[in-house]
Amino acid sequence: MAEQSPMIPEEITDPAELARIRAQDERHRRNQEWLAAHWSNLLPRARGQFVAVARQEAFIAPTAAEAWAWVESAHPDDDGAIVRYVRSTPGPRIYAGRRALASVR
């Protein structure tokens, strides 16, 4: 296993860099909000696949690599793009031990 370099937190004070980061965060926020507002248009077709959103436009792909490739080709300037996997089954996930439980009377 390769040795990992330690993370060193740095304070960013350069106004140009701060503006770039804020603009990227804003693009990411817009894509997240667009996806939240348009889930009903994407389901159930997107189940078991990956949804990419860039410039408030969606693309459904069978793999994450294909979703990111679409982002790069269709909207290379959107550095706030997102890719999400959509579970194939709807409903809540239950995480429970698989041990036998004793009956309680």
PDB file of N, CA and C in Angstrom:
ATOM      1  N   MET A   1       0.840  -1.177   0.000  1.00  0.00           N
ATOM      2  CA  MET A   1       0.000   0.000   0.000  1.00  0.00           C
ATOM      3  C   MET A   1       0.884   1.239   0.000  1.00  0.00           C
ATOM      4  N   ALA A   2       0.529   2.192  -0.849  1.00  0.00           N
ATOM      5  CA  ALA A   2       1.321   3.407  -0.962  1.00  0.00           C
ATOM      6  C   ALA A   2       1.118   4.297   0.259  1.00  0.00           C
ATOM      7  N   GLU A   3       2.187   4.918   0.672  1.00  0.00           N
ATOM      8  CA  GLU A   3       2.103   5.817   1.815  1.00  0.00           C
ATOM      9  C   GLU A   3       1.397   7.090   1.394  1.00  0.00           C
ATOM     10  N   GLN A   4       0.451   7.532   2.202  1.00  0.00           N
ATOM     11  CA  GLN A   4      -0.305   8.739   1.889  1.00  0.00           C
ATOM     12  C   GLN A   4       0.369   9.945   2.523  1.00  0.00           C
ATOM     13  N   SER A   5       0.375  11.037   1.793  1.00  0.00           N
ATOM     14  CA  SER A   5       0.946  12.252   2.355  1.00  0.00           C
ATOM     15  C   SER A   5      -0.072  12.865   3.317  1.00  0.00           C
ATOM     16  N   PRO A   6       0.412  13.517   4.343  1.00  0.00           N
ATOM     17  CA  PRO A   6      -0.508  14.100   5.322  1.00  0.00           C
ATOM     18  C   PRO A   6      -1.270  15.275   4.712  1.00  0.00           C
ATOM     19  N   MET A   7      -2.493  15.447   5.180  1.00  0.00           N
ATOM     20  CA  MET A   7      -3.280  16.605   4.747  1.00  0.00           C
ATOM     21  C   MET A   7      -2.842  17.804   5.563  1.00  0.00           C
ATOM     22  N   ILE A   8      -2.603  18.879   4.884  1.00  0.00           N
ATOM     23  CA  ILE A   8      -2.185  20.102   5.560  1.00  0.00           C
ATOM     24  C   ILE A   8      -3.210  21.181   5.240  1.00  0.00           C
ATOM     25  N   PRO A   9      -4.014  21.580   6.219  1.00  0.00           N
ATOM     26  CA  PRO A   9      -5.006  22.625   5.956  1.00  0.00           C
ATOM     27  C   PRO A   9      -4.315  23.965   5.711  1.00  0.00           C
ATOM     28  N   GLU A  10      -4.858  24.680   4.742  1.00  0.00           N
ATOM     29  CA  GLU A  10      -4.315  25.997   4.431  1.00  0.00           C
ATOM     30  C   GLU A  10      -5.446  27.000   4.360  1.00  0.00           C
ATOM     31  N   GLU A  11      -5.181  28.196   4.778  1.00  0.00           N
ATOM     32  CA  GLU A  11      -6.164  29.260   4.648  1.00  0.00           C
ATOM     33  C   GLU A  11      -5.974  29.915   3.291  1.00  0.00           C
ATOM     34  N   ILE A  12      -7.053  30.023   2.560  1.00  0.00           N
ATOM     35  CA  ILE A  12      -6.985  30.664   1.245  1.00  0.00           C
ATOM     36  C   ILE A  12      -7.406  32.114   1.412  1.00  0.00           C
ATOM     37  N   THR A  13      -6.536  33.007   1.027  1.00  0.00           N
ATOM     38  CA  THR A  13      -6.819  34.430   1.182  1.00  0.00           C
ATOM     39  C   THR A  13      -6.790  35.181  -0.150  1.00  0.00           C
ATOM     40  N   ASP A  14      -6.343  34.527  -1.198  1.00  0.00           N
ATOM     41  CA  ASP A  14      -6.271  35.173  -2.510  1.00  0.00           C
ATOM     42  C   ASP A  14      -7.688  35.444  -3.019  1.00  0.00           C
ATOM     43  N   PRO A  15      -8.047  36.699  -3.253  1.00  0.00           N
ATOM     44  CA  PRO A  15      -9.406  37.035  -3.691  1.00  0.00           C
ATOM     45  C   PRO A  15      -9.817  36.327  -4.985  1.00  0.00           C
ATOM     46  N   ALA A  16      -8.905  36.180  -5.916  1.00  0.00           N
ATOM     47  CA  ALA A  16      -9.234  35.514  -7.182  1.00  0.00           C
ATOM     48  C   ALA A  16      -9.546  34.038  -6.950  1.00  0.00           C
ATOM     49  N   GLU A  17      -8.766  33.391  -6.101  1.00  0.00           N
ATOM     50  CA  GLU A  17      -8.995  31.973  -5.794  1.00  0.00           C
ATOM     51  C   GLU A  17     -10.295  31.803  -5.016  1.00  0.00           C
ATOM     52  N   LEU A  18     -10.566  32.686  -4.084  1.00  0.00           N
ATOM     53  CA  LEU A  18     -11.821  32.632  -3.329  1.00  0.00           C
ATOM     54  C   LEU A  18     -13.023  32.819  -4.257  1.00  0.00           C
ATOM     55  N   ALA A  19     -12.908  33.722  -5.212  1.00  0.00           N
ATOM     56  CA  ALA A  19     -14.003  33.947  -6.169  1.00  0.00           C
ATOM     57  C   ALA A  19     -14.219  32.708  -7.033  1.00  0.00           C
ATOM     58  N   ARG A  20     -13.136  32.054  -7.449  1.00  0.00           N
ATOM     59  CA  ARG A  20     -13.244  30.836  -8.262  1.00  0.00           C
ATOM     60  C   ARG A  20     -13.941  29.729  -7.473  1.00  0.00           C
ATOM     61  N   ILE A  21     -13.567  29.564  -6.214  1.00  0.00           N
ATOM     62  CA  ILE A  21     -14.165  28.528  -5.366  1.00  0.00           C
ATOM     63  C   ILE A  21     -15.646  28.813  -5.135  1.00  0.00           C
ATOM     64  N   ARG A  22     -15.980  30.057  -4.864  1.00  0.00           N
ATOM     65  CA  ARG A  22     -17.391  30.412  -4.646  1.00  0.00           C
ATOM     66  C   ARG A  22     -18.219  30.182  -5.906  1.00  0.00           C
ATOM     67  N   ALA A  23     -17.670  30.493  -7.064  1.00  0.00           N
ATOM     68  CA  ALA A  23     -18.387  30.284  -8.328  1.00  0.00           C
ATOM     69  C   ALA A  23     -18.604  28.789  -8.576  1.00  0.00           C
ATOM     70  N   GLN A  24     -17.601  27.971  -8.286  1.00  0.00           N
ATOM     71  CA  GLN A  24     -17.749  26.523  -8.440  1.00  0.00           C
ATOM     72  C   GLN A  24     -18.812  25.991  -7.479  1.00  0.00           C
ATOM     73  N   ASP A  25     -18.783  26.448  -6.240  1.00  0.00           N
ATOM     74  CA  ASP A  25     -19.793  26.034  -5.261  1.00  0.00           C
ATOM     75  C   ASP A  25     -21.193  26.406  -5.737  1.00  0.00           C
ATOM     76  N   GLU A  26     -21.339  27.578  -6.335  1.00  0.00           N
ATOM     77  CA  GLU A  26     -22.642  28.023  -6.829  1.00  0.00           C
ATOM     78  C   GLU A  26     -23.116  27.133  -7.990  1.00  0.00           C
ATOM     79  N   ARG A  27     -22.229  26.769  -8.899  1.00  0.00           N
ATOM     80  CA  ARG A  27     -22.596  25.869 -10.003  1.00  0.00           C
ATOM     81  C   ARG A  27     -23.013  24.507  -9.455  1.00  0.00           C
ATOM     82  N   HIS A  28     -22.285  24.023  -8.463  1.00  0.00           N
ATOM     83  CA  HIS A  28     -22.624  22.742  -7.841  1.00  0.00           C
ATOM     84  C   HIS A  28     -24.003  22.818  -7.167  1.00  0.00           C
ATOM     85  N   ARG A  29     -24.258  23.897  -6.439  1.00  0.00           N
ATOM     86  CA  ARG A  29     -25.539  24.081  -5.767  1.00  0.00           C
ATOM     87  C   ARG A  29     -26.690  24.110  -6.780  1.00  0.00           C
ATOM     88  N   ARG A  30     -26.512  24.825  -7.882  1.00  0.00           N
ATOM     89  CA  ARG A  30     -27.564  24.883  -8.905  1.00  0.00           C
ATOM     90  C   ARG A  30     -27.844  23.503  -9.486  1.00  0.00           C
ATOM     91  N   ASN A  31     -26.792  22.715  -9.742  1.00  0.00           N
ATOM     92  CA  ASN A  31     -26.990  21.365 -10.274  1.00  0.00           C
ATOM     93  C   ASN A  31     -27.706  20.472  -9.260  1.00  0.00           C
ATOM     94  N   GLN A  32     -27.343  20.585  -7.981  1.00  0.00           N
ATOM     95  CA  GLN A  32     -28.002  19.803  -6.929  1.00  0.00           C
ATOM     96  C   GLN A  32     -29.486  20.174  -6.836  1.00  0.00           C
ATOM     97  N   GLU A  33     -29.776  21.455  -6.850  1.00  0.00           N
ATOM     98  CA  GLU A  33     -31.172  21.894  -6.754  1.00  0.00           C
ATOM     99  C   GLU A  33     -31.966  21.463  -7.984  1.00  0.00           C
ATOM    100  N   TRP A  34     -31.351  21.540  -9.163  1.00  0.00           N
ATOM    101  CA  TRP A  34     -32.032  21.110 -10.379  1.00  0.00           C
ATOM    102  C   TRP A  34     -32.374  19.627 -10.283  1.00  0.00           C
ATOM    103  N   LEU A  35     -31.420  18.812  -9.830  1.00  0.00           N
ATOM    104  CA  LEU A  35     -31.669  17.379  -9.704  1.00  0.00           C
ATOM    105  C   LEU A  35     -32.795  17.114  -8.713  1.00  0.00           C
ATOM    106  N   ALA A  36     -32.780  17.781  -7.590  1.00  0.00           N
ATOM    107  CA  ALA A  36     -33.833  17.589  -6.585  1.00  0.00           C
ATOM    108  C   ALA A  36     -35.206  17.931  -7.166  1.00  0.00           C
ATOM    109  N   ALA A  37     -35.279  18.944  -8.002  1.00  0.00           N
ATOM    110  CA  ALA A  37     -36.555  19.369  -8.581  1.00  0.00           C
ATOM    111  C   ALA A  37     -37.011  18.478  -9.733  1.00  0.00           C
ATOM    112  N   HIS A  38     -36.103  17.697 -10.319  1.00  0.00           N
ATOM    113  CA  HIS A  38     -36.436  16.919 -11.515  1.00  0.00           C
ATOM    114  C   HIS A  38     -36.355  15.408 -11.350  1.00  0.00           C
ATOM    115  N   TRP A  39     -36.245  14.920 -10.100  1.00  0.00           N
ATOM    116  CA  TRP A  39     -36.183  13.472  -9.885  1.00  0.00           C
ATOM    117  C   TRP A  39     -37.350  12.758 -10.541  1.00  0.00           C
ATOM    118  N   SER A  40     -38.528  13.322 -10.422  1.00  0.00           N
ATOM    119  CA  SER A  40     -39.719  12.644 -10.958  1.00  0.00           C
ATOM    120  C   SER A  40     -39.644  12.476 -12.468  1.00  0.00           C
ATOM    121  N   ASN A  41     -38.927  13.348 -13.162  1.00  0.00           N
ATOM    122  CA  ASN A  41     -38.757  13.207 -14.613  1.00  0.00           C
ATOM    123  C   ASN A  41     -37.759  12.107 -14.961  1.00  0.00           C
ATOM    124  N   LEU A  42     -36.849  11.789 -14.052  1.00  0.00           N
ATOM    125  CA  LEU A  42     -35.787  10.820 -14.326  1.00  0.00           C
ATOM    126  C   LEU A  42     -36.150   9.400 -13.905  1.00  0.00           C
ATOM    127  N   LEU A  43     -37.044   9.289 -12.923  1.00  0.00           N
ATOM    128  CA  LEU A  43     -37.423   7.970 -12.428  1.00  0.00           C
ATOM    129  C   LEU A  43     -38.638   7.459 -13.178  1.00  0.00           C
ATOM    130  N   PRO A  44     -38.814   6.197 -13.366  1.00  0.00           N
ATOM    131  CA  PRO A  44     -37.995   5.077 -12.924  1.00  0.00           C
ATOM    132  C   PRO A  44     -36.870   4.713 -13.902  1.00  0.00           C
ATOM    133  N   ARG A  45     -36.795   5.442 -15.025  1.00  0.00           N
ATOM    134  CA  ARG A  45     -35.809   5.109 -16.063  1.00  0.00           C
ATOM    135  C   ARG A  45     -34.372   5.095 -15.540  1.00  0.00           C
ATOM    136  N   ALA A  46     -34.059   5.920 -14.542  1.00  0.00           N
ATOM    137  CA  ALA A  46     -32.689   6.034 -14.046  1.00  0.00           C
ATOM    138  C   ALA A  46     -32.318   4.970 -13.023  1.00  0.00           C
ATOM    139  N   ARG A  47     -33.281   4.167 -12.574  1.00  0.00           N
ATOM    140  CA  ARG A  47     -32.987   3.168 -11.533  1.00  0.00           C
ATOM    141  C   ARG A  47     -31.901   2.193 -11.990  1.00  0.00           C
ATOM    142  N   GLY A  48     -30.925   1.981 -11.099  1.00  0.00           N
ATOM    143  CA  GLY A  48     -29.821   1.073 -11.393  1.00  0.00           C
ATOM    144  C   GLY A  48     -28.769   1.673 -12.308  1.00  0.00           C
ATOM    145  N   GLN A  49     -28.848   2.982 -12.535  1.00  0.00           N
ATOM    146  CA  GLN A  49     -27.898   3.647 -13.425  1.00  0.00           C
ATOM    147  C   GLN A  49     -27.334   4.896 -12.743  1.00  0.00           C
ATOM    148  N   PHE A  50     -26.525   5.615 -13.473  1.00  0.00           N
ATOM    149  CA  PHE A  50     -25.898   6.835 -12.970  1.00  0.00           C
ATOM    150  C   PHE A  50     -26.525   8.042 -13.651  1.00  0.00           C
ATOM    151  N   VAL A  51     -26.799   9.068 -12.873  1.00  0.00           N
ATOM    152  CA  VAL A  51     -27.343  10.313 -13.411  1.00  0.00           C
ATOM    153  C   VAL A  51     -26.267  11.380 -13.277  1.00  0.00           C
ATOM    154  N   ALA A  52     -25.938  11.997 -14.400  1.00  0.00           N
ATOM    155  CA  ALA A  52     -25.011  13.125 -14.408  1.00  0.00           C
ATOM    156  C   ALA A  52     -25.834  14.390 -14.609  1.00  0.00           C
ATOM    157  N   VAL A  53     -25.472  15.449 -13.894  1.00  0.00           N
ATOM    158  CA  VAL A  53     -26.132  16.740 -14.077  1.00  0.00           C
ATOM    159  C   VAL A  53     -25.045  17.795 -14.231  1.00  0.00           C
ATOM    160  N   ALA A  54     -25.126  18.517 -15.349  1.00  0.00           N
ATOM    161  CA  ALA A  54     -24.204  19.620 -15.620  1.00  0.00           C
ATOM    162  C   ALA A  54     -25.006  20.709 -16.328  1.00  0.00           C
ATOM    163  N   ARG A  55     -24.799  21.929 -15.916  1.00  0.00           N
ATOM    164  CA  ARG A  55     -25.550  23.076 -16.456  1.00  0.00           C
ATOM    165  C   ARG A  55     -27.049  22.828 -16.436  1.00  0.00           C
ATOM    166  N   GLN A  56     -27.507  22.224 -15.352  1.00  0.00           N
ATOM    167  CA  GLN A  56     -28.915  21.924 -15.130  1.00  0.00           C
ATOM    168  C   GLN A  56     -29.507  21.095 -16.279  1.00  0.00           C
ATOM    169  N   GLU A  57     -28.725  20.145 -16.752  1.00  0.00           N
ATOM    170  CA  GLU A  57     -29.157  19.190 -17.772  1.00  0.00           C
ATOM    171  C   GLU A  57     -28.727  17.810 -17.284  1.00  0.00           C
ATOM    172  N   ALA A  58     -29.603  16.815 -17.481  1.00  0.00           N
ATOM    173  CA  ALA A  58     -29.317  15.471 -16.983  1.00  0.00           C
ATOM    174  C   ALA A  58     -28.964  14.523 -18.119  1.00  0.00           C
ATOM    175  N   PHE A  59     -28.182  13.507 -17.750  1.00  0.00           N
ATOM    176  CA  PHE A  59     -27.813  12.428 -18.661  1.00  0.00           C
ATOM    177  C   PHE A  59     -27.779  11.156 -17.829  1.00  0.00           C
ATOM    178  N   ILE A  60     -28.388  10.096 -18.350  1.00  0.00           N
ATOM    179  CA  ILE A  60     -28.416   8.810 -17.653  1.00  0.00           C
ATOM    180  C   ILE A  60     -27.449   7.875 -18.353  1.00  0.00           C
ATOM    181  N   ALA A  61     -26.574   7.230 -17.574  1.00  0.00           N
ATOM    182  CA  ALA A  61     -25.554   6.337 -18.132  1.00  0.00           C
ATOM    183  C   ALA A  61     -25.464   5.062 -17.302  1.00  0.00           C
ATOM    184  N   PRO A  62     -25.034   3.971 -17.922  1.00  0.00           N
ATOM    185  CA  PRO A  62     -24.903   2.717 -17.178  1.00  0.00           C
ATOM    186  C   PRO A  62     -23.701   2.673 -16.239  1.00  0.00           C
ATOM    187  N   THR A  63     -22.696   3.511 -16.462  1.00  0.00           N
ATOM    188  CA  THR A  63     -21.513   3.528 -15.602  1.00  0.00           C
ATOM    189  C   THR A  63     -21.163   4.957 -15.216  1.00  0.00           C
ATOM    190  N   ALA A  64     -20.451   5.093 -14.111  1.00  0.00           N
ATOM    191  CA  ALA A  64     -20.000   6.414 -13.679  1.00  0.00           C
ATOM    192  C   ALA A  64     -19.026   7.005 -14.694  1.00  0.00           C
ATOM    193  N   ALA A  65     -18.177   6.158 -15.267  1.00  0.00           N
ATOM    194  CA  ALA A  65     -17.208   6.643 -16.255  1.00  0.00           C
ATOM    195  C   ALA A  65     -17.919   7.253 -17.461  1.00  0.00           C
ATOM    196  N   GLU A  66     -18.982   6.611 -17.918  1.00  0.00           N
ATOM    197  CA  GLU A  66     -19.732   7.150 -19.055  1.00  0.00           C
ATOM    198  C   GLU A  66     -20.444   8.448 -18.679  1.00  0.00           C
ATOM    199  N   ALA A  67     -20.928   8.525 -17.447  1.00  0.00           N
ATOM    200  CA  ALA A  67     -21.588   9.753 -16.996  1.00  0.00           C
ATOM    201  C   ALA A  67     -20.593  10.907 -16.957  1.00  0.00           C
ATOM    202  N   TRP A  68     -19.403  10.664 -16.405  1.00  0.00           N
ATOM    203  CA  TRP A  68     -18.383  11.718 -16.362  1.00  0.00           C
ATOM    204  C   TRP A  68     -17.879  12.064 -17.765  1.00  0.00           C
ATOM    205  N   ALA A  69     -17.818  11.088 -18.656  1.00  0.00           N
ATOM    206  CA  ALA A  69     -17.414  11.361 -20.042  1.00  0.00           C
ATOM    207  C   ALA A  69     -18.416  12.301 -20.705  1.00  0.00           C
ATOM    208  N   TRP A  70     -19.712  12.096 -20.432  1.00  0.00           N
ATOM    209  CA  TRP A  70     -20.729  12.993 -20.983  1.00  0.00           C
ATOM    210  C   TRP A  70     -20.525  14.408 -20.442  1.00  0.00           C
ATOM    211  N   VAL A  71     -20.268  14.527 -19.137  1.00  0.00           N
ATOM    212  CA  VAL A  71     -20.035  15.846 -18.539  1.00  0.00           C
ATOM    213  C   VAL A  71     -18.882  16.534 -19.259  1.00  0.00           C
ATOM    214  N   GLU A  72     -17.790  15.808 -19.440  1.00  0.00           N
ATOM    215  CA  GLU A  72     -16.601  16.391 -20.084  1.00  0.00           C
ATOM    216  C   GLU A  72     -16.863  16.804 -21.531  1.00  0.00           C
ATOM    217  N   SER A  73     -17.657  16.019 -22.253  1.00  0.00           N
ATOM    218  CA  SER A  73     -17.898  16.340 -23.656  1.00  0.00           C
ATOM    219  C   SER A  73     -19.000  17.372 -23.844  1.00  0.00           C
ATOM    220  N   ALA A  74     -20.069  17.296 -23.054  1.00  0.00           N
ATOM    221  CA  ALA A  74     -21.203  18.203 -23.243  1.00  0.00           C
ATOM    222  C   ALA A  74     -21.038  19.538 -22.518  1.00  0.00           C
ATOM    223  N   HIS A  75     -20.431  19.517 -21.339  1.00  0.00           N
ATOM    224  CA  HIS A  75     -20.308  20.729 -20.525  1.00  0.00           C
ATOM    225  C   HIS A  75     -18.945  20.784 -19.836  1.00  0.00           C
ATOM    226  N   PRO A  76     -17.865  20.865 -20.608  1.00  0.00           N
ATOM    227  CA  PRO A  76     -16.527  20.844 -20.001  1.00  0.00           C
ATOM    228  C   PRO A  76     -16.251  22.039 -19.083  1.00  0.00           C
ATOM    229  N   ASP A  77     -17.011  23.100 -19.224  1.00  0.00           N
ATOM    230  CA  ASP A  77     -16.789  24.285 -18.396  1.00  0.00           C
ATOM    231  C   ASP A  77     -17.542  24.251 -17.070  1.00  0.00           C
ATOM    232  N   ASP A  78     -18.373  23.232 -16.844  1.00  0.00           N
ATOM    233  CA  ASP A  78     -19.128  23.155 -15.591  1.00  0.00           C
ATOM    234  C   ASP A  78     -18.362  22.313 -14.575  1.00  0.00           C
ATOM    235  N   ASP A  79     -17.570  22.977 -13.747  1.00  0.00           N
ATOM    236  CA  ASP A  79     -16.801  22.268 -12.721  1.00  0.00           C
ATOM    237  C   ASP A  79     -17.623  22.032 -11.459  1.00  0.00           C
ATOM    238  N   GLY A  80     -18.932  22.275 -11.546  1.00  0.00           N
ATOM    239  CA  GLY A  80     -19.837  21.980 -10.446  1.00  0.00           C
ATOM    240  C   GLY A  80     -20.758  20.820 -10.777  1.00  0.00           C
ATOM    241  N   ALA A  81     -20.407  20.059 -11.804  1.00  0.00           N
ATOM    242  CA  ALA A  81     -21.231  18.928 -12.236  1.00  0.00           C
ATOM    243  C   ALA A  81     -21.259  17.844 -11.160  1.00  0.00           C
ATOM    244  N   ILE A  82     -22.314  17.031 -11.186  1.00  0.00           N
ATOM    245  CA  ILE A  82     -22.455  15.937 -10.231  1.00  0.00           C
ATOM    246  C   ILE A  82     -22.834  14.658 -10.955  1.00  0.00           C
ATOM    247  N   VAL A  83     -22.458  13.537 -10.371  1.00  0.00           N
ATOM    248  CA  VAL A  83     -22.869  12.216 -10.853  1.00  0.00           C
ATOM    249  C   VAL A  83     -23.349  11.443  -9.636  1.00  0.00           C
ATOM    250  N   ARG A  84     -24.538  10.869  -9.730  1.00  0.00           N
ATOM    251  CA  ARG A  84     -25.130  10.110  -8.628  1.00  0.00           C
ATOM    252  C   ARG A  84     -25.595   8.757  -9.128  1.00  0.00           C
ATOM    253  N   TYR A  85     -25.407   7.732  -8.303  1.00  0.00           N
ATOM    254  CA  TYR A  85     -25.958   6.415  -8.606  1.00  0.00           C
ATOM    255  C   TYR A  85     -27.383   6.367  -8.064  1.00  0.00           C
ATOM    256  N   VAL A  86     -28.294   5.830  -8.858  1.00  0.00           N
ATOM    257  CA  VAL A  86     -29.688   5.703  -8.440  1.00  0.00           C
ATOM    258  C   VAL A  86     -29.938   4.231  -8.141  1.00  0.00           C
ATOM    259  N   ARG A  87     -30.253   3.935  -6.895  1.00  0.00           N
ATOM    260  CA  ARG A  87     -30.492   2.538  -6.509  1.00  0.00           C
ATOM    261  C   ARG A  87     -31.582   1.927  -7.376  1.00  0.00           C
ATOM    262  N   SER A  88     -31.470   0.635  -7.618  1.00  0.00           N
ATOM    263  CA  SER A  88     -32.428  -0.040  -8.486  1.00  0.00           C
ATOM    264  C   SER A  88     -33.763  -0.307  -7.814  1.00  0.00           C
ATOM    265  N   THR A  89     -33.792  -0.309  -6.498  1.00  0.00           N
ATOM    266  CA  THR A  89     -35.056  -0.542  -5.788  1.00  0.00           C
ATOM    267  C   THR A  89     -35.415   0.677  -4.959  1.00  0.00           C
ATOM    268  N   PRO A  90     -36.670   1.083  -5.024  1.00  0.00           N
ATOM    269  CA  PRO A  90     -37.080   2.232  -4.210  1.00  0.00           C
ATOM    270  C   PRO A  90     -37.297   1.820  -2.758  1.00  0.00           C
ATOM    271  N   GLY A  91     -37.475   2.790  -1.917  1.00  0.00           N
ATOM    272  CA  GLY A  91     -37.789   2.507  -0.528  1.00  0.00           C
ATOM    273  C   GLY A  91     -36.589   2.621   0.384  1.00  0.00           C
ATOM    274  N   PRO A  92     -36.852   2.507   1.676  1.00  0.00           N
ATOM    275  CA  PRO A  92     -35.773   2.661   2.647  1.00  0.00           C
ATOM    276  C   PRO A  92     -34.840   1.451   2.661  1.00  0.00           C
ATOM    277  N   ARG A  93     -33.628   1.703   3.084  1.00  0.00           N
ATOM    278  CA  ARG A  93     -32.663   0.618   3.280  1.00  0.00           C
ATOM    279  C   ARG A  93     -32.649   0.283   4.757  1.00  0.00           C
ATOM    280  N   ILE A  94     -32.660  -0.993   5.046  1.00  0.00           N
ATOM    281  CA  ILE A  94     -32.634  -1.426   6.438  1.00  0.00           C
ATOM    282  C   ILE A  94     -31.320  -2.153   6.684  1.00  0.00           C
ATOM    283  N   TYR A  95     -30.570  -1.647   7.623  1.00  0.00           N
ATOM    284  CA  TYR A  95     -29.310  -2.262   7.982  1.00  0.00           C
ATOM    285  C   TYR A  95     -29.514  -2.949   9.324  1.00  0.00           C
ATOM    286  N   ALA A  96     -29.553  -4.254   9.312  1.00  0.00           N
ATOM    287  CA  ALA A  96     -29.783  -4.992  10.558  1.00  0.00           C
ATOM    288  C   ALA A  96     -28.899  -6.222  10.574  1.00  0.00           C
ATOM    289  N   GLY A  97     -28.580  -6.648  11.757  1.00  0.00           N
ATOM    290  CA  GLY A  97     -27.816  -7.878  11.887  1.00  0.00           C
ATOM    291  C   GLY A  97     -28.619  -9.063  11.353  1.00  0.00           C
ATOM    292  N   ARG A  98     -27.932 -10.054  10.843  1.00  0.00           N
ATOM    293  CA  ARG A  98     -28.613 -11.212  10.287  1.00  0.00           C
ATOM    294  C   ARG A  98     -28.663 -12.359  11.283  1.00  0.00           C
ATOM    295  N   ARG A  99     -28.388 -12.088  12.529  1.00  0.00           N
ATOM    296  CA  ARG A  99     -28.444 -13.122  13.559  1.00  0.00           C
ATOM    297  C   ARG A  99     -29.888 -13.417  13.921  1.00  0.00           C
ATOM    298  N   ALA A 100     -30.096 -14.595  14.418  1.00  0.00           N
ATOM    299  CA  ALA A 100     -31.433 -14.961  14.877  1.00  0.00           C
ATOM    300  C   ALA A 100     -31.768 -14.153  16.117  1.00  0.00           C
ATOM    301  N   LEU A 101     -32.990 -13.692  16.184  1.00  0.00           N
ATOM    302  CA  LEU A 101     -33.424 -12.926  17.343  1.00  0.00           C
ATOM    303  C   LEU A 101     -34.250 -13.823  18.250  1.00  0.00           C
ATOM    304  N   ALA A 102     -34.114 -13.622  19.521  1.00  0.00           N
ATOM    305  CA  ALA A 102     -34.897 -14.393  20.494  1.00  0.00           C
ATOM    306  C   ALA A 102     -36.314 -13.843  20.542  1.00  0.00           C
ATOM    307  N   SER A 103     -37.265 -14.707  20.700  1.00  0.00           N
ATOM    308  CA  SER A 103     -38.646 -14.245  20.813  1.00  0.00           C
ATOM    309  C   SER A 103     -38.870 -13.664  22.198  1.00  0.00           C
ATOM    310  N   VAL A 104     -39.662 -12.639  22.267  1.00  0.00           N
ATOM    311  CA  VAL A 104     -39.953 -11.969  23.525  1.00  0.00           C
ATOM    312  C   VAL A 104     -41.439 -12.141  23.805  1.00  0.00           C
ATOM    313  N   ARG A 105     -41.757 -12.565  25.034  1.00  0.00           N
ATOM    314  CA  ARG A 105     -43.171 -12.744  25.390  1.00  0.00           C
ATOM    315  C   ARG A 105     -43.551 -11.794  26.476  1.00  0.00           C
TER     316      ARG A 105
END
